[in-house]
Amino acid sequence: MKPIKRIGVLTSGGDAPGMNAAVRAVVRTAIYNELEVYGIFRGYEGLIDGDIERMENHSVANIIQRGGTILKTARSERFRTEAGLQAAYENTKKFGIEALVIIGGDGSFRGGLEFGNRYDLRVVGVPGTIDNDLYGTDYTIGYDTALNTVVEAVDKLRDTAASHNRLFFVEVMGRDAGFIALRSGIAVGAEDILVPETTTSIEDLIARLEIGRRKNKTSGIIIVAEGDDSGGAFEVARKVKEKFTQYETRVAIIGHLQRGGSPTCMDRVLASTMGFEAVNALLKGENGVMIGQVDKKMVYVPFGSATKHNTDINQKMLDMGHILST
């Protein structure tokens, strides 16, 4: 196995709190092991354009507490083309980069796997996505911070809901997966939680609201994942209002607030650990794997397995949320 001397690190796809902590860990672990490390800006777009700079210890000073990513991020259609892949490879040769650490989600890993296989580069992934929808790790970087952002926002909405006898429909991120909706819904005591993994029944929702009304509940919070099959918070609110006029309804879309903010302690430690382990994996000769954490232990998960969960959601937790809201 030929030892590597230079690695590149990039952040790709949607930004997630904790990405900077992961970048910091990669840079400093690489330098400690006498490797040269290059930051690639704007993800695969920057790799294609040659937007690459050598990084030193001071390059990542005072960033562990910052949200977003100092390397910037982007989604790249060009990286799906032959010309884009070839341009990216030419830039790895130009800078002498022999291995890549990719911080992102499943789309970023699929791109990295194809790139590494085609051009014989070592590639290791670090899971950075607020959706927590990658197989092979209990938690992804940014998920805990996003949850706390939702909980803080909904706690404030609960105050105004109670003051005005209102029913709030709160839409959170989760186009394909309802993990943010599920855990935040339980944490805020939501009256119902609607997720993409289950079929939503407006009749069942109204029945639960009616039970709450008979128990003298005068306000409520419904958490709706954006990918719920009912059509999102505005559509759910409209359907409920047509058949259940007892409450005044309002809709709140938390949106991209969930992506921002200073990462929590959990995300900082998780990101630091994964970034550290990513460099160690490359030094051991690993390739085409994502760094995961399962039962508090670090694991290497093949990119081919680290795909979205599809319908896997904890039904027991969803049932518990319904029981505790009554």
C-alpha atoms as a PDB file:
ATOM      1  CA  MET A   1       0.000   0.000   0.000  1.00  0.00           C
ATOM      2  CA  LYS A   2       1.483   3.276  -1.139  1.00  0.00           C
ATOM      3  CA  PRO A   3       1.544   5.865   1.682  1.00  0.00           C
ATOM      4  CA  ILE A   4      -0.249   9.130   0.978  1.00  0.00           C
ATOM      5  CA  LYS A   5       1.319  12.544   1.430  1.00  0.00           C
ATOM      6  CA  ARG A   6      -1.436  14.985   0.414  1.00  0.00           C
ATOM      7  CA  ILE A   7      -5.164  14.960   1.071  1.00  0.00           C
ATOM      8  CA  GLY A   8      -8.010  17.281   0.139  1.00  0.00           C
ATOM      9  CA  VAL A   9     -11.097  18.099   2.211  1.00  0.00           C
ATOM     10  CA  LEU A  10     -14.401  19.506   0.965  1.00  0.00           C
ATOM     11  CA  THR A  11     -17.944  20.097   2.185  1.00  0.00           C
ATOM     12  CA  SER A  12     -20.751  19.249  -0.196  1.00  0.00           C
ATOM     13  CA  GLY A  13     -24.548  19.456  -0.420  1.00  0.00           C
ATOM     14  CA  GLY A  14     -26.605  21.234   2.232  1.00  0.00           C
ATOM     15  CA  ASP A  15     -24.645  22.884   5.029  1.00  0.00           C
ATOM     16  CA  ALA A  16     -24.942  21.503   8.554  1.00  0.00           C
ATOM     17  CA  PRO A  17     -23.822  22.898  11.920  1.00  0.00           C
ATOM     18  CA  GLY A  18     -20.627  21.116  12.898  1.00  0.00           C
ATOM     19  CA  MET A  19     -19.084  20.957   9.445  1.00  0.00           C
ATOM     20  CA  ASN A  20     -16.455  23.476  10.535  1.00  0.00           C
ATOM     21  CA  ALA A  21     -15.548  21.318  13.516  1.00  0.00           C
ATOM     22  CA  ALA A  22     -15.074  18.368  11.144  1.00  0.00           C
ATOM     23  CA  VAL A  23     -12.897  20.428   8.774  1.00  0.00           C
ATOM     24  CA  ARG A  24     -10.798  21.571  11.731  1.00  0.00           C
ATOM     25  CA  ALA A  25     -10.302  17.985  12.896  1.00  0.00           C
ATOM     26  CA  VAL A  26      -9.306  16.778   9.428  1.00  0.00           C
ATOM     27  CA  VAL A  27      -6.779  19.580   8.936  1.00  0.00           C
ATOM     28  CA  ARG A  28      -5.119  19.281  12.325  1.00  0.00           C
ATOM     29  CA  THR A  29      -5.067  15.465  12.357  1.00  0.00           C
ATOM     30  CA  ALA A  30      -3.511  15.432   8.888  1.00  0.00           C
ATOM     31  CA  ILE A  31      -0.820  17.928   9.843  1.00  0.00           C
ATOM     32  CA  TYR A  32      -0.081  16.008  13.060  1.00  0.00           C
ATOM     33  CA  ASN A  33       0.548  12.951  10.887  1.00  0.00           C
ATOM     34  CA  GLU A  34       2.871  14.966   8.612  1.00  0.00           C
ATOM     35  CA  LEU A  35       0.443  15.122   5.699  1.00  0.00           C
ATOM     36  CA  GLU A  36      -0.195  18.162   3.551  1.00  0.00           C
ATOM     37  CA  VAL A  37      -3.869  19.085   3.487  1.00  0.00           C
ATOM     38  CA  TYR A  38      -5.729  21.204   0.937  1.00  0.00           C
ATOM     39  CA  GLY A  39      -9.097  22.853   1.401  1.00  0.00           C
ATOM     40  CA  ILE A  40     -11.390  22.612  -1.632  1.00  0.00           C
ATOM     41  CA  PHE A  41     -13.908  25.447  -1.736  1.00  0.00           C
ATOM     42  CA  ARG A  42     -17.534  25.130  -2.916  1.00  0.00           C
ATOM     43  CA  GLY A  43     -17.540  21.335  -2.914  1.00  0.00           C
ATOM     44  CA  TYR A  44     -17.208  19.538  -6.234  1.00  0.00           C
ATOM     45  CA  GLU A  45     -17.672  22.841  -8.053  1.00  0.00           C
ATOM     46  CA  GLY A  46     -14.446  24.081  -6.502  1.00  0.00           C
ATOM     47  CA  LEU A  47     -12.692  20.837  -7.356  1.00  0.00           C
ATOM     48  CA  ILE A  48     -13.679  21.337 -11.000  1.00  0.00           C
ATOM     49  CA  ASP A  49     -12.628  25.008 -11.002  1.00  0.00           C
ATOM     50  CA  GLY A  50      -9.401  24.496  -9.071  1.00  0.00           C
ATOM     51  CA  ASP A  51     -10.569  26.626  -6.124  1.00  0.00           C
ATOM     52  CA  ILE A  52      -8.109  24.907  -3.805  1.00  0.00           C
ATOM     53  CA  GLU A  53      -5.760  26.220  -1.106  1.00  0.00           C
ATOM     54  CA  ARG A  54      -3.232  24.600   1.193  1.00  0.00           C
ATOM     55  CA  MET A  55      -4.351  24.721   4.826  1.00  0.00           C
ATOM     56  CA  GLU A  56      -2.328  25.039   8.012  1.00  0.00           C
ATOM     57  CA  ASN A  57      -3.237  24.785  11.690  1.00  0.00           C
ATOM     58  CA  HIS A  58      -4.038  28.483  11.836  1.00  0.00           C
ATOM     59  CA  SER A  59      -6.381  28.134   8.841  1.00  0.00           C
ATOM     60  CA  VAL A  60      -8.931  26.437  11.092  1.00  0.00           C
ATOM     61  CA  ALA A  61      -8.434  28.480  14.258  1.00  0.00           C
ATOM     62  CA  ASN A  62     -11.566  29.802  15.961  1.00  0.00           C
ATOM     63  CA  ILE A  63     -14.060  27.941  13.754  1.00  0.00           C
ATOM     64  CA  ILE A  64     -15.231  25.048  15.937  1.00  0.00           C
ATOM     65  CA  GLN A  65     -18.102  27.152  17.305  1.00  0.00           C
ATOM     66  CA  ARG A  66     -19.232  28.543  13.949  1.00  0.00           C
ATOM     67  CA  GLY A  67     -22.171  27.252  11.958  1.00  0.00           C
ATOM     68  CA  GLY A  68     -22.068  26.763   8.190  1.00  0.00           C
ATOM     69  CA  THR A  69     -18.759  25.881   6.552  1.00  0.00           C
ATOM     70  CA  ILE A  70     -15.695  28.013   5.921  1.00  0.00           C
ATOM     71  CA  LEU A  71     -15.040  25.928   2.797  1.00  0.00           C
ATOM     72  CA  LYS A  72     -18.477  26.911   1.420  1.00  0.00           C
ATOM     73  CA  THR A  73     -20.651  24.297  -0.217  1.00  0.00           C
ATOM     74  CA  ALA A  74     -22.589  23.747  -3.422  1.00  0.00           C
ATOM     75  CA  ARG A  75     -24.465  21.126  -5.377  1.00  0.00           C
ATOM     76  CA  SER A  76     -22.707  20.407  -8.665  1.00  0.00           C
ATOM     77  CA  GLU A  77     -24.458  19.275 -11.823  1.00  0.00           C
ATOM     78  CA  ARG A  78     -21.161  19.535 -13.688  1.00  0.00           C
ATOM     79  CA  PHE A  79     -19.673  16.797 -11.500  1.00  0.00           C
ATOM     80  CA  ARG A  80     -22.177  14.407 -13.093  1.00  0.00           C
ATOM     81  CA  THR A  81     -20.650  14.956 -16.542  1.00  0.00           C
ATOM     82  CA  GLU A  82     -17.568  13.444 -18.158  1.00  0.00           C
ATOM     83  CA  ALA A  83     -16.043  16.886 -18.664  1.00  0.00           C
ATOM     84  CA  GLY A  84     -16.639  17.832 -15.038  1.00  0.00           C
ATOM     85  CA  LEU A  85     -15.139  14.629 -13.669  1.00  0.00           C
ATOM     86  CA  GLN A  86     -12.087  14.966 -15.889  1.00  0.00           C
ATOM     87  CA  ALA A  87     -11.534  18.602 -14.887  1.00  0.00           C
ATOM     88  CA  ALA A  88     -11.794  17.639 -11.221  1.00  0.00           C
ATOM     89  CA  TYR A  89      -9.257  14.855 -11.696  1.00  0.00           C
ATOM     90  CA  GLU A  90      -6.833  17.174 -13.489  1.00  0.00           C
ATOM     91  CA  ASN A  91      -6.941  19.485 -10.474  1.00  0.00           C
ATOM     92  CA  THR A  92      -6.212  16.651  -8.048  1.00  0.00           C
ATOM     93  CA  LYS A  93      -3.142  15.879 -10.181  1.00  0.00           C
ATOM     94  CA  LYS A  94      -2.159  19.552 -10.328  1.00  0.00           C
ATOM     95  CA  PHE A  95      -2.155  19.842  -6.529  1.00  0.00           C
ATOM     96  CA  GLY A  96      -0.830  16.338  -5.912  1.00  0.00           C
ATOM     97  CA  ILE A  97      -3.937  15.308  -3.960  1.00  0.00           C
ATOM     98  CA  GLU A  98      -3.993  11.543  -3.444  1.00  0.00           C
ATOM     99  CA  ALA A  99      -7.045  11.192  -1.210  1.00  0.00           C
ATOM    100  CA  LEU A 100     -10.230  13.097  -0.373  1.00  0.00           C
ATOM    101  CA  VAL A 101     -12.285  13.580   2.777  1.00  0.00           C
ATOM    102  CA  ILE A 102     -15.842  14.432   1.758  1.00  0.00           C
ATOM    103  CA  ILE A 103     -18.130  15.952   4.386  1.00  0.00           C
ATOM    104  CA  GLY A 104     -21.732  15.717   3.229  1.00  0.00           C
ATOM    105  CA  GLY A 105     -24.689  13.424   2.604  1.00  0.00           C
ATOM    106  CA  ASP A 106     -25.551  10.445   0.441  1.00  0.00           C
ATOM    107  CA  GLY A 107     -25.475  12.336  -2.862  1.00  0.00           C
ATOM    108  CA  SER A 108     -22.002  13.629  -2.047  1.00  0.00           C
ATOM    109  CA  PHE A 109     -20.857  10.106  -1.203  1.00  0.00           C
ATOM    110  CA  ARG A 110     -22.216   8.647  -4.429  1.00  0.00           C
ATOM    111  CA  GLY A 111     -20.282  11.264  -6.370  1.00  0.00           C
ATOM    112  CA  GLY A 112     -17.143  10.612  -4.369  1.00  0.00           C
ATOM    113  CA  LEU A 113     -17.418   6.858  -4.830  1.00  0.00           C
ATOM    114  CA  GLU A 114     -17.678   7.161  -8.617  1.00  0.00           C
ATOM    115  CA  PHE A 115     -14.827   9.672  -8.720  1.00  0.00           C
ATOM    116  CA  GLY A 116     -12.552   7.517  -6.567  1.00  0.00           C
ATOM    117  CA  ASN A 117     -13.265   4.354  -8.528  1.00  0.00           C
ATOM    118  CA  ARG A 118     -12.726   6.004 -11.882  1.00  0.00           C
ATOM    119  CA  TYR A 119      -9.450   7.717 -11.063  1.00  0.00           C
ATOM    120  CA  ASP A 120      -7.959   5.491  -8.344  1.00  0.00           C
ATOM    121  CA  LEU A 121      -8.168   8.040  -5.528  1.00  0.00           C
ATOM    122  CA  ARG A 122      -8.804   7.111  -1.915  1.00  0.00           C
ATOM    123  CA  VAL A 123     -12.065   8.648  -0.697  1.00  0.00           C
ATOM    124  CA  VAL A 124     -13.508   8.698   2.826  1.00  0.00           C
ATOM    125  CA  GLY A 125     -16.789  10.331   3.846  1.00  0.00           C
ATOM    126  CA  VAL A 126     -17.912  12.145   6.983  1.00  0.00           C
ATOM    127  CA  PRO A 127     -21.732  12.312   7.380  1.00  0.00           C
ATOM    128  CA  GLY A 128     -22.781  15.953   7.532  1.00  0.00           C
ATOM    129  CA  THR A 129     -26.553  16.390   7.132  1.00  0.00           C
ATOM    130  CA  ILE A 130     -29.239  17.680   9.470  1.00  0.00           C
ATOM    131  CA  ASP A 131     -31.705  15.014   8.277  1.00  0.00           C
ATOM    132  CA  ASN A 132     -29.928  12.095  10.024  1.00  0.00           C
ATOM    133  CA  ASP A 133     -30.925   9.912   7.066  1.00  0.00           C
ATOM    134  CA  LEU A 134     -27.739   7.938   6.424  1.00  0.00           C
ATOM    135  CA  TYR A 135     -27.488   4.247   7.194  1.00  0.00           C
ATOM    136  CA  GLY A 136     -24.553   3.143   9.325  1.00  0.00           C
ATOM    137  CA  THR A 137     -24.416   5.873  11.947  1.00  0.00           C
ATOM    138  CA  ASP A 138     -26.645   6.643  14.903  1.00  0.00           C
ATOM    139  CA  TYR A 139     -26.331  10.382  14.326  1.00  0.00           C
ATOM    140  CA  THR A 140     -25.097  12.660  11.559  1.00  0.00           C
ATOM    141  CA  ILE A 141     -23.345  15.982  12.037  1.00  0.00           C
ATOM    142  CA  GLY A 142     -25.861  18.827  12.388  1.00  0.00           C
ATOM    143  CA  TYR A 143     -28.867  16.746  13.433  1.00  0.00           C
ATOM    144  CA  ASP A 144     -28.672  17.592  17.139  1.00  0.00           C
ATOM    145  CA  THR A 145     -28.282  21.310  16.482  1.00  0.00           C
ATOM    146  CA  ALA A 146     -31.214  21.315  14.045  1.00  0.00           C
ATOM    147  CA  LEU A 147     -33.380  19.563  16.644  1.00  0.00           C
ATOM    148  CA  ASN A 148     -32.515  22.132  19.276  1.00  0.00           C
ATOM    149  CA  THR A 149     -33.285  24.960  16.846  1.00  0.00           C
ATOM    150  CA  VAL A 150     -36.735  23.504  16.173  1.00  0.00           C
ATOM    151  CA  VAL A 151     -37.438  22.947  19.865  1.00  0.00           C
ATOM    152  CA  GLU A 152     -36.472  26.520  20.758  1.00  0.00           C
ATOM    153  CA  ALA A 153     -38.694  27.939  18.006  1.00  0.00           C
ATOM    154  CA  VAL A 154     -41.683  25.746  18.853  1.00  0.00           C
ATOM    155  CA  ASP A 155     -41.441  26.516  22.564  1.00  0.00           C
ATOM    156  CA  LYS A 156     -41.913  30.179  21.647  1.00  0.00           C
ATOM    157  CA  LEU A 157     -44.814  29.337  19.350  1.00  0.00           C
ATOM    158  CA  ARG A 158     -46.413  27.364  22.174  1.00  0.00           C
ATOM    159  CA  ASP A 159     -46.507  30.532  24.268  1.00  0.00           C
ATOM    160  CA  THR A 160     -48.434  32.482  21.644  1.00  0.00           C
ATOM    161  CA  ALA A 161     -50.633  29.497  20.767  1.00  0.00           C
ATOM    162  CA  ALA A 162     -51.763  29.240  24.383  1.00  0.00           C
ATOM    163  CA  SER A 163     -52.341  32.970  24.647  1.00  0.00           C
ATOM    164  CA  HIS A 164     -54.646  33.068  21.624  1.00  0.00           C
ATOM    165  CA  ASN A 165     -56.262  29.613  21.677  1.00  0.00           C
ATOM    166  CA  ARG A 166     -54.570  28.768  18.388  1.00  0.00           C
ATOM    167  CA  LEU A 167     -53.582  25.587  16.634  1.00  0.00           C
ATOM    168  CA  PHE A 168     -50.143  25.924  15.029  1.00  0.00           C
ATOM    169  CA  PHE A 169     -49.022  23.715  12.147  1.00  0.00           C
ATOM    170  CA  VAL A 170     -45.223  23.834  12.192  1.00  0.00           C
ATOM    171  CA  GLU A 171     -43.345  22.600   9.127  1.00  0.00           C
ATOM    172  CA  VAL A 172     -39.812  21.303   9.648  1.00  0.00           C
ATOM    173  CA  MET A 173     -37.241  19.991   7.194  1.00  0.00           C
ATOM    174  CA  GLY A 174     -37.431  16.378   6.097  1.00  0.00           C
ATOM    175  CA  ARG A 175     -38.290  15.911   2.431  1.00  0.00           C
ATOM    176  CA  ASP A 176     -37.628  12.164   2.512  1.00  0.00           C
ATOM    177  CA  ALA A 177     -37.152  11.413   6.203  1.00  0.00           C
ATOM    178  CA  GLY A 178     -39.075  12.406   9.318  1.00  0.00           C
ATOM    179  CA  PHE A 179     -36.377  12.126  11.972  1.00  0.00           C
ATOM    180  CA  ILE A 180     -36.319  15.855  12.776  1.00  0.00           C
ATOM    181  CA  ALA A 181     -40.108  15.937  12.988  1.00  0.00           C
ATOM    182  CA  LEU A 182     -40.296  12.833  15.183  1.00  0.00           C
ATOM    183  CA  ARG A 183     -37.779  13.788  17.847  1.00  0.00           C
ATOM    184  CA  SER A 184     -38.618  17.484  17.948  1.00  0.00           C
ATOM    185  CA  GLY A 185     -42.324  16.639  18.105  1.00  0.00           C
ATOM    186  CA  ILE A 186     -41.799  14.457  21.163  1.00  0.00           C
ATOM    187  CA  ALA A 187     -39.532  17.077  22.754  1.00  0.00           C
ATOM    188  CA  VAL A 188     -42.124  19.871  22.433  1.00  0.00           C
ATOM    189  CA  GLY A 189     -45.119  17.733  23.380  1.00  0.00           C
ATOM    190  CA  ALA A 190     -46.762  18.121  19.978  1.00  0.00           C
ATOM    191  CA  GLU A 191     -50.379  17.090  19.632  1.00  0.00           C
ATOM    192  CA  ASP A 192     -49.469  15.179  16.471  1.00  0.00           C
ATOM    193  CA  ILE A 193     -46.416  14.415  14.315  1.00  0.00           C
ATOM    194  CA  LEU A 194     -46.719  13.884  10.555  1.00  0.00           C
ATOM    195  CA  VAL A 195     -43.805  12.234   8.740  1.00  0.00           C
ATOM    196  CA  PRO A 196     -43.114  10.953   5.189  1.00  0.00           C
ATOM    197  CA  GLU A 197     -42.639   7.363   6.356  1.00  0.00           C
ATOM    198  CA  THR A 198     -46.303   6.965   7.317  1.00  0.00           C
ATOM    199  CA  THR A 199     -49.592   7.701   5.550  1.00  0.00           C
ATOM    200  CA  THR A 200     -51.327  10.718   7.044  1.00  0.00           C
ATOM    201  CA  SER A 201     -55.042  10.503   7.822  1.00  0.00           C
ATOM    202  CA  ILE A 202     -56.653  13.909   8.269  1.00  0.00           C
ATOM    203  CA  GLU A 203     -59.635  12.141   9.888  1.00  0.00           C
ATOM    204  CA  ASP A 204     -57.375  10.543  12.508  1.00  0.00           C
ATOM    205  CA  LEU A 205     -55.692  13.882  13.153  1.00  0.00           C
ATOM    206  CA  ILE A 206     -59.046  15.589  13.670  1.00  0.00           C
ATOM    207  CA  ALA A 207     -60.167  12.784  15.966  1.00  0.00           C
ATOM    208  CA  ARG A 208     -57.091  13.323  18.155  1.00  0.00           C
ATOM    209  CA  LEU A 209     -57.721  17.061  18.212  1.00  0.00           C
ATOM    210  CA  GLU A 210     -61.326  16.438  19.233  1.00  0.00           C
ATOM    211  CA  ILE A 211     -60.153  14.266  22.135  1.00  0.00           C
ATOM    212  CA  GLY A 212     -57.869  17.072  23.234  1.00  0.00           C
ATOM    213  CA  ARG A 213     -60.666  19.646  22.964  1.00  0.00           C
ATOM    214  CA  ARG A 214     -62.932  17.531  25.158  1.00  0.00           C
ATOM    215  CA  LYS A 215     -60.118  17.513  27.715  1.00  0.00           C
ATOM    216  CA  ASN A 216     -60.176  21.331  27.654  1.00  0.00           C
ATOM    217  CA  LYS A 217     -57.080  21.795  25.480  1.00  0.00           C
ATOM    218  CA  THR A 218     -57.414  25.268  24.004  1.00  0.00           C
ATOM    219  CA  SER A 219     -54.295  25.296  21.831  1.00  0.00           C
ATOM    220  CA  GLY A 220     -51.990  22.878  20.103  1.00  0.00           C
ATOM    221  CA  ILE A 221     -48.892  22.206  18.017  1.00  0.00           C
ATOM    222  CA  ILE A 222     -48.819  19.890  15.002  1.00  0.00           C
ATOM    223  CA  ILE A 223     -45.334  19.095  13.660  1.00  0.00           C
ATOM    224  CA  VAL A 224     -45.308  18.405   9.912  1.00  0.00           C
ATOM    225  CA  ALA A 225     -42.251  17.170   7.990  1.00  0.00           C
ATOM    226  CA  GLU A 226     -42.042  18.958   4.644  1.00  0.00           C
ATOM    227  CA  GLY A 227     -42.183  15.653   2.777  1.00  0.00           C
ATOM    228  CA  ASP A 228     -45.338  14.379   4.466  1.00  0.00           C
ATOM    229  CA  ASP A 229     -47.747  12.865   1.951  1.00  0.00           C
ATOM    230  CA  SER A 230     -50.511  15.254   2.992  1.00  0.00           C
ATOM    231  CA  GLY A 231     -48.783  18.084   1.153  1.00  0.00           C
ATOM    232  CA  GLY A 232     -47.045  20.102   3.850  1.00  0.00           C
ATOM    233  CA  ALA A 233     -48.175  22.322   6.711  1.00  0.00           C
ATOM    234  CA  PHE A 234     -50.300  24.765   4.691  1.00  0.00           C
ATOM    235  CA  GLU A 235     -52.256  21.956   3.043  1.00  0.00           C
ATOM    236  CA  VAL A 236     -52.774  20.092   6.323  1.00  0.00           C
ATOM    237  CA  ALA A 237     -53.947  23.283   8.038  1.00  0.00           C
ATOM    238  CA  ARG A 238     -56.412  23.962   5.230  1.00  0.00           C
ATOM    239  CA  LYS A 239     -57.882  20.473   5.379  1.00  0.00           C
ATOM    240  CA  VAL A 240     -58.182  20.545   9.152  1.00  0.00           C
ATOM    241  CA  LYS A 241     -59.774  24.009   9.173  1.00  0.00           C
ATOM    242  CA  GLU A 242     -62.459  22.833   6.755  1.00  0.00           C
ATOM    243  CA  LYS A 243     -63.594  20.088   9.117  1.00  0.00           C
ATOM    244  CA  PHE A 244     -62.530  21.306  12.553  1.00  0.00           C
ATOM    245  CA  THR A 245     -63.459  24.930  13.155  1.00  0.00           C
ATOM    246  CA  GLN A 246     -63.064  24.936  16.923  1.00  0.00           C
ATOM    247  CA  TYR A 247     -59.509  26.310  16.745  1.00  0.00           C
ATOM    248  CA  GLU A 248     -58.025  29.338  15.038  1.00  0.00           C
ATOM    249  CA  THR A 249     -55.204  27.936  12.867  1.00  0.00           C
ATOM    250  CA  ARG A 250     -51.794  29.318  11.979  1.00  0.00           C
ATOM    251  CA  VAL A 251     -48.860  27.930   9.956  1.00  0.00           C
ATOM    252  CA  ALA A 252     -45.159  28.408  10.734  1.00  0.00           C
ATOM    253  CA  ILE A 253     -42.417  27.270   8.362  1.00  0.00           C
ATOM    254  CA  ILE A 254     -39.125  27.061  10.257  1.00  0.00           C
ATOM    255  CA  GLY A 255     -37.207  26.429   7.017  1.00  0.00           C
ATOM    256  CA  HIS A 256     -33.530  27.215   6.704  1.00  0.00           C
ATOM    257  CA  LEU A 257     -33.232  28.425  10.287  1.00  0.00           C
ATOM    258  CA  GLN A 258     -32.692  24.728  11.004  1.00  0.00           C
ATOM    259  CA  ARG A 259     -29.433  24.759   9.038  1.00  0.00           C
ATOM    260  CA  GLY A 260     -27.823  27.685  10.820  1.00  0.00           C
ATOM    261  CA  GLY A 261     -26.512  28.534  14.238  1.00  0.00           C
ATOM    262  CA  SER A 262     -23.635  27.534  16.444  1.00  0.00           C
ATOM    263  CA  PRO A 263     -23.363  23.735  16.730  1.00  0.00           C
ATOM    264  CA  THR A 264     -24.268  22.071  20.001  1.00  0.00           C
ATOM    265  CA  CYS A 265     -21.687  20.359  22.176  1.00  0.00           C
ATOM    266  CA  MET A 266     -22.844  16.995  20.835  1.00  0.00           C
ATOM    267  CA  ASP A 267     -22.346  18.064  17.218  1.00  0.00           C
ATOM    268  CA  ARG A 268     -18.939  19.600  17.929  1.00  0.00           C
ATOM    269  CA  VAL A 269     -17.673  16.436  19.603  1.00  0.00           C
ATOM    270  CA  LEU A 270     -19.220  14.139  16.989  1.00  0.00           C
ATOM    271  CA  ALA A 271     -17.768  16.167  14.116  1.00  0.00           C
ATOM    272  CA  SER A 272     -14.336  16.349  15.731  1.00  0.00           C
ATOM    273  CA  THR A 273     -14.297  12.604  16.340  1.00  0.00           C
ATOM    274  CA  MET A 274     -15.414  11.771  12.811  1.00  0.00           C
ATOM    275  CA  GLY A 275     -12.949  14.167  11.188  1.00  0.00           C
ATOM    276  CA  PHE A 276     -10.123  12.716  13.278  1.00  0.00           C
ATOM    277  CA  GLU A 277     -11.157   9.175  12.352  1.00  0.00           C
ATOM    278  CA  ALA A 278     -11.447  10.024   8.641  1.00  0.00           C
ATOM    279  CA  VAL A 279      -7.741  10.849   8.429  1.00  0.00           C
ATOM    280  CA  ASN A 280      -6.833   7.751  10.428  1.00  0.00           C
ATOM    281  CA  ALA A 281      -8.922   5.660   8.031  1.00  0.00           C
ATOM    282  CA  LEU A 282      -7.012   7.026   5.043  1.00  0.00           C
ATOM    283  CA  LEU A 283      -3.706   6.305   6.761  1.00  0.00           C
ATOM    284  CA  LYS A 284      -4.851   2.705   7.252  1.00  0.00           C
ATOM    285  CA  GLY A 285      -5.603   2.374   3.557  1.00  0.00           C
ATOM    286  CA  GLU A 286      -9.409   2.548   3.814  1.00  0.00           C
ATOM    287  CA  ASN A 287     -11.283   3.681   0.710  1.00  0.00           C
ATOM    288  CA  GLY A 288     -14.904   4.222  -0.288  1.00  0.00           C
ATOM    289  CA  VAL A 289     -16.208   4.259   3.271  1.00  0.00           C
ATOM    290  CA  MET A 290     -18.175   6.618   5.481  1.00  0.00           C
ATOM    291  CA  ILE A 291     -17.157   7.187   9.084  1.00  0.00           C
ATOM    292  CA  GLY A 292     -20.064   6.278  11.344  1.00  0.00           C
ATOM    293  CA  GLN A 293     -20.755   6.054  15.032  1.00  0.00           C
ATOM    294  CA  VAL A 294     -22.838   3.118  16.282  1.00  0.00           C
ATOM    295  CA  ASP A 295     -23.369   2.495  20.005  1.00  0.00           C
ATOM    296  CA  LYS A 296     -20.663   5.080  20.722  1.00  0.00           C
ATOM    297  CA  LYS A 297     -18.093   3.182  18.637  1.00  0.00           C
ATOM    298  CA  MET A 298     -16.567   4.405  15.379  1.00  0.00           C
ATOM    299  CA  VAL A 299     -17.256   2.205  12.353  1.00  0.00           C
ATOM    300  CA  TYR A 300     -16.432   2.237   8.634  1.00  0.00           C
ATOM    301  CA  VAL A 301     -19.483   1.877   6.399  1.00  0.00           C
ATOM    302  CA  PRO A 302     -19.143   1.251   2.628  1.00  0.00           C
ATOM    303  CA  PHE A 303     -20.564   4.136   0.585  1.00  0.00           C
ATOM    304  CA  GLY A 304     -22.857   1.679  -1.153  1.00  0.00           C
ATOM    305  CA  SER A 305     -24.567   0.962   2.169  1.00  0.00           C
ATOM    306  CA  ALA A 306     -24.670   4.533   3.495  1.00  0.00           C
ATOM    307  CA  THR A 307     -27.866   5.441   1.655  1.00  0.00           C
ATOM    308  CA  LYS A 308     -31.100   6.996   2.806  1.00  0.00           C
ATOM    309  CA  HIS A 309     -33.235   5.090   5.276  1.00  0.00           C
ATOM    310  CA  ASN A 310     -36.353   5.154   3.077  1.00  0.00           C
ATOM    311  CA  THR A 311     -39.204   3.989   5.358  1.00  0.00           C
ATOM    312  CA  ASP A 312     -37.186   3.093   8.449  1.00  0.00           C
ATOM    313  CA  ILE A 313     -38.514   5.124  11.361  1.00  0.00           C
ATOM    314  CA  ASN A 314     -39.044   4.192  14.980  1.00  0.00           C
ATOM    315  CA  GLN A 315     -42.763   3.380  15.070  1.00  0.00           C
ATOM    316  CA  LYS A 316     -42.641   2.893  18.826  1.00  0.00           C
ATOM    317  CA  MET A 317     -41.429   6.472  19.286  1.00  0.00           C
ATOM    318  CA  LEU A 318     -44.181   7.726  16.980  1.00  0.00           C
ATOM    319  CA  ASP A 319     -46.780   5.792  18.982  1.00  0.00           C
ATOM    320  CA  MET A 320     -45.294   7.148  22.195  1.00  0.00           C
ATOM    321  CA  GLY A 321     -45.647  10.696  20.878  1.00  0.00           C
ATOM    322  CA  HIS A 322     -49.352  10.103  20.252  1.00  0.00           C
ATOM    323  CA  ILE A 323     -49.906   8.594  23.702  1.00  0.00           C
ATOM    324  CA  LEU A 324     -48.075  11.353  25.544  1.00  0.00           C
ATOM    325  CA  SER A 325     -49.969  14.072  23.686  1.00  0.00           C
ATOM    326  CA  THR A 326     -53.400  12.906  24.855  1.00  0.00           C
END
